[in-house]
Amino acid sequence: MNELMAARSITTRPVVTLGGDAVAHVKDTVCDAAASRITGFTLTGRGLLSGPLKDGLPWAGVSALGHDAVMIRDRRGLVDAAAMTARQQPLRARLLGARVLTEAGAEVGTVLDVVVEGGTAGRVVGFRVAASRRFVPGPGRHRRRVYVPRGGTLSVTGRALVLPEDAVRHVADDLPGFSSLVGGVPGPWRGSLP
């Protein structure tokens, strides 16, 4: 499995051609939540005062999503951003803040971020969630933040995600633990929940 990263961490990441030319910076990730894939990126200019670009980067134009940059073959992979986002909304508009529920109707919490697989995959593998008190009991005034796998099926209806029961049986407290959990490697993730 490739490196897992939070979608918010991709924001402001440079977009660079394989020839080494810096083209733009990522403004937002465009995601098809139901298909659990990144479909592209909206872009912003490279300068301090530059704004959003009219060009977008579809996932088909991405050579690799790396820890430090989004790599593309060349500028010919860019398309009109409005056409690219016509069917899917940027991540912030669609998923962040959405309620997370199980198929049985139990509230898990609200989405803080989406966890994606880098490299050439672009898969959505889970979510960082502000857990409800019933889902993750414990002391403290602030809601607990946990990583929850997306499971085999995922339904997106309005501003809610519905996850299968088996997906929420295991959660992780941090991204390295979550990487171990979804990669099938024993790690520092928490066991079954009540």
Protein backbone atom coordinates (compact mmCIF):
# COMPACT_ATOMS: atom_id res chain seq x y z
CA MET A 1 0.00 0.00 0.00
CA ASN A 2 1.20 3.51 -0.80
CA GLU A 3 1.56 6.25 1.80
CA LEU A 4 -1.69 7.41 3.37
CA MET A 5 -2.29 11.14 3.74
CA ALA A 6 -5.00 13.47 4.89
CA ALA A 7 -6.67 15.29 2.00
CA ARG A 8 -6.25 18.62 3.79
CA SER A 9 -2.48 18.08 3.81
CA ILE A 10 -2.54 18.03 0.00
CA THR A 11 -3.79 21.64 -0.07
CA THR A 12 -1.00 24.01 -1.17
CA ARG A 13 1.14 21.07 -2.34
CA PRO A 14 2.98 22.04 -5.56
CA VAL A 15 2.02 20.54 -8.90
CA VAL A 16 5.23 19.74 -10.77
CA THR A 17 5.89 18.29 -14.22
CA LEU A 18 8.19 15.29 -14.62
CA GLY A 19 10.56 17.78 -16.28
CA GLY A 20 10.77 19.75 -13.02
CA ASP A 21 8.59 22.76 -13.88
CA ALA A 22 6.36 23.98 -11.03
CA VAL A 23 2.95 24.61 -12.61
CA ALA A 24 0.61 25.48 -9.74
CA HIS A 25 -0.42 24.59 -6.19
CA VAL A 26 -3.35 22.43 -5.13
CA LYS A 27 -6.28 24.49 -3.92
CA ASP A 28 -8.69 21.65 -3.11
CA THR A 29 -9.21 17.96 -3.73
CA VAL A 30 -12.17 16.90 -5.85
CA CYS A 31 -13.53 13.58 -4.75
CA ASP A 32 -16.22 11.11 -5.77
CA ALA A 33 -17.09 9.87 -2.29
CA ALA A 34 -19.48 7.18 -3.48
CA ALA A 35 -16.81 5.70 -5.76
CA SER A 36 -14.17 6.36 -3.08
CA ARG A 37 -11.70 7.98 -5.44
CA ILE A 38 -9.99 11.30 -5.99
CA THR A 39 -11.20 12.65 -9.32
CA GLY A 40 -8.90 15.67 -9.48
CA PHE A 41 -7.69 18.89 -7.97
CA THR A 42 -8.62 22.54 -8.28
CA LEU A 43 -5.54 24.73 -8.58
CA THR A 44 -4.20 28.07 -7.50
CA GLY A 45 -1.29 30.08 -8.87
CA ARG A 46 2.20 29.85 -7.46
CA GLY A 47 2.71 33.43 -6.36
CA LEU A 48 1.82 34.88 -2.97
CA LEU A 49 -1.02 37.02 -4.34
CA SER A 50 -2.13 34.73 -7.15
CA GLY A 51 -5.65 33.38 -6.98
CA PRO A 52 -7.50 30.35 -8.24
CA LEU A 53 -6.66 29.14 -11.74
CA LYS A 54 -9.24 28.38 -14.41
CA ASP A 55 -7.37 25.13 -15.02
CA GLY A 56 -7.97 22.00 -12.99
CA LEU A 57 -6.07 18.75 -12.79
CA PRO A 58 -8.11 15.58 -13.37
CA TRP A 59 -6.80 12.40 -11.70
CA ALA A 60 -6.09 10.95 -15.17
CA GLY A 61 -3.44 13.68 -15.57
CA VAL A 62 -1.66 12.79 -12.32
CA SER A 63 1.51 10.77 -12.65
CA ALA A 64 1.87 10.35 -8.86
CA LEU A 65 0.59 11.86 -5.64
CA GLY A 66 3.63 12.12 -3.42
CA HIS A 67 4.41 13.33 0.08
CA ASP A 68 5.89 16.60 -1.21
CA ALA A 69 4.33 17.21 -4.64
CA VAL A 70 1.68 16.18 -7.14
CA MET A 71 3.56 15.00 -10.22
CA ILE A 72 2.20 15.37 -13.77
CA ARG A 73 3.69 14.54 -17.18
CA ASP A 74 3.21 18.05 -18.58
CA ARG A 75 0.77 20.96 -18.70
CA ARG A 76 -1.34 19.24 -21.36
CA GLY A 77 -3.00 17.21 -18.57
CA LEU A 78 -4.76 20.32 -17.23
CA VAL A 79 -8.42 20.90 -18.12
CA ASP A 80 -11.09 23.53 -17.51
CA ALA A 81 -11.76 23.48 -13.75
CA ALA A 82 -15.47 24.31 -14.11
CA ALA A 83 -16.03 21.34 -16.42
CA MET A 84 -14.06 19.06 -14.10
CA THR A 85 -16.07 20.02 -11.01
CA ALA A 86 -19.46 20.07 -12.76
CA ARG A 87 -20.36 16.57 -11.54
CA GLN A 88 -18.36 16.43 -8.30
CA GLN A 89 -17.92 19.07 -5.66
CA PRO A 90 -14.62 19.90 -4.03
CA LEU A 91 -13.98 17.93 -0.87
CA ARG A 92 -14.67 20.81 1.50
CA ALA A 93 -18.11 21.42 0.05
CA ARG A 94 -19.14 17.77 -0.01
CA LEU A 95 -17.62 15.79 2.85
CA LEU A 96 -16.03 17.94 5.53
CA GLY A 97 -18.49 18.40 8.38
CA ALA A 98 -20.78 15.61 7.11
CA ARG A 99 -22.37 13.29 9.68
CA VAL A 100 -21.07 9.72 9.80
CA LEU A 101 -23.61 7.02 10.62
CA THR A 102 -23.55 3.23 10.62
CA GLU A 103 -26.01 1.15 8.61
CA ALA A 104 -27.77 0.42 11.91
CA GLY A 105 -28.30 4.14 12.51
CA ALA A 106 -25.68 4.73 15.20
CA GLU A 107 -23.94 8.09 15.05
CA VAL A 108 -20.16 7.83 14.68
CA GLY A 109 -19.42 11.57 14.53
CA THR A 110 -18.59 14.21 11.90
CA VAL A 111 -15.95 14.17 9.16
CA LEU A 112 -12.89 16.30 9.87
CA ASP A 113 -10.79 15.02 6.97
CA VAL A 114 -10.60 12.33 4.32
CA VAL A 115 -7.68 9.87 4.23
CA VAL A 116 -6.43 9.02 0.75
CA GLU A 117 -3.81 6.67 -0.62
CA GLY A 118 -0.99 8.41 -2.46
CA GLY A 119 1.10 7.14 -5.36
CA THR A 120 -1.01 6.25 -8.37
CA ALA A 121 -4.00 4.90 -6.42
CA GLY A 122 -5.95 7.99 -5.31
CA ARG A 123 -8.30 5.82 -3.26
CA VAL A 124 -10.30 7.13 -0.32
CA VAL A 125 -9.49 4.64 2.46
CA GLY A 126 -11.10 6.30 5.48
CA PHE A 127 -11.99 9.37 7.44
CA ARG A 128 -10.71 11.38 10.38
CA VAL A 129 -13.76 11.83 12.55
CA ALA A 130 -14.71 13.93 15.56
CA ALA A 131 -16.29 10.98 17.35
CA SER A 132 -19.56 11.21 19.20
CA ARG A 133 -19.46 10.43 22.93
CA ARG A 134 -21.43 7.22 22.40
CA PHE A 135 -19.02 5.98 19.74
CA VAL A 136 -15.82 6.69 21.68
CA PRO A 137 -16.62 7.17 25.35
CA GLY A 138 -14.17 8.84 27.63
CA PRO A 139 -13.40 11.93 29.68
CA GLY A 140 -12.75 15.35 28.30
CA ARG A 141 -14.60 18.35 27.06
CA HIS A 142 -13.53 17.98 23.43
CA ARG A 143 -14.72 15.31 21.10
CA ARG A 144 -12.18 12.62 20.46
CA ARG A 145 -10.59 12.47 17.03
CA VAL A 146 -10.20 9.00 15.53
CA TYR A 147 -9.51 7.44 12.14
CA VAL A 148 -12.25 5.18 10.77
CA PRO A 149 -11.91 2.94 7.68
CA ARG A 150 -14.49 3.43 4.96
CA GLY A 151 -15.35 -0.28 4.70
CA GLY A 152 -16.43 -2.25 1.65
CA THR A 153 -19.48 -0.14 0.90
CA LEU A 154 -20.11 3.54 1.43
CA SER A 155 -23.30 5.49 0.89
CA VAL A 156 -23.31 9.26 0.58
CA THR A 157 -26.69 10.90 0.98
CA GLY A 158 -26.94 14.66 1.26
CA ARG A 159 -24.60 15.63 4.09
CA ALA A 160 -24.27 12.15 5.64
CA LEU A 161 -21.98 9.18 5.09
CA VAL A 162 -23.30 5.74 5.94
CA LEU A 163 -20.63 3.15 6.74
CA PRO A 164 -21.07 -0.59 7.19
CA GLU A 165 -21.04 -1.90 10.77
CA ASP A 166 -17.82 -3.86 10.23
CA ALA A 167 -15.96 -0.72 9.12
CA VAL A 168 -16.39 0.97 12.47
CA ARG A 169 -15.45 -1.98 14.68
CA HIS A 170 -11.81 -0.88 14.67
CA VAL A 171 -10.49 2.66 14.83
CA ALA A 172 -7.05 4.21 15.15
CA ASP A 173 -5.93 7.21 17.17
CA ASP A 174 -3.36 8.46 14.64
CA LEU A 175 -2.44 8.18 10.95
CA PRO A 176 0.45 5.68 11.43
CA GLY A 177 -1.86 3.42 13.42
CA PHE A 178 -4.54 3.81 10.76
CA SER A 179 -2.02 2.89 8.05
CA SER A 180 -1.32 -0.33 9.95
CA LEU A 181 -5.03 -1.00 10.41
CA VAL A 182 -6.06 -0.64 6.76
CA GLY A 183 -2.86 -2.26 5.52
CA GLY A 184 -3.59 -5.39 7.56
CA VAL A 185 -0.45 -4.93 9.63
CA PRO A 186 -0.61 -5.28 13.40
CA GLY A 187 -0.08 -1.85 14.85
CA PRO A 188 -0.98 0.64 17.56
CA TRP A 189 -4.65 0.82 16.63
CA ARG A 190 -7.41 0.32 19.11
CA GLY A 191 -9.35 -2.91 19.28
CA SER A 192 -13.04 -3.56 18.89
CA LEU A 193 -15.43 -0.96 20.12
CA PRO A 194 -18.48 -1.69 22.23
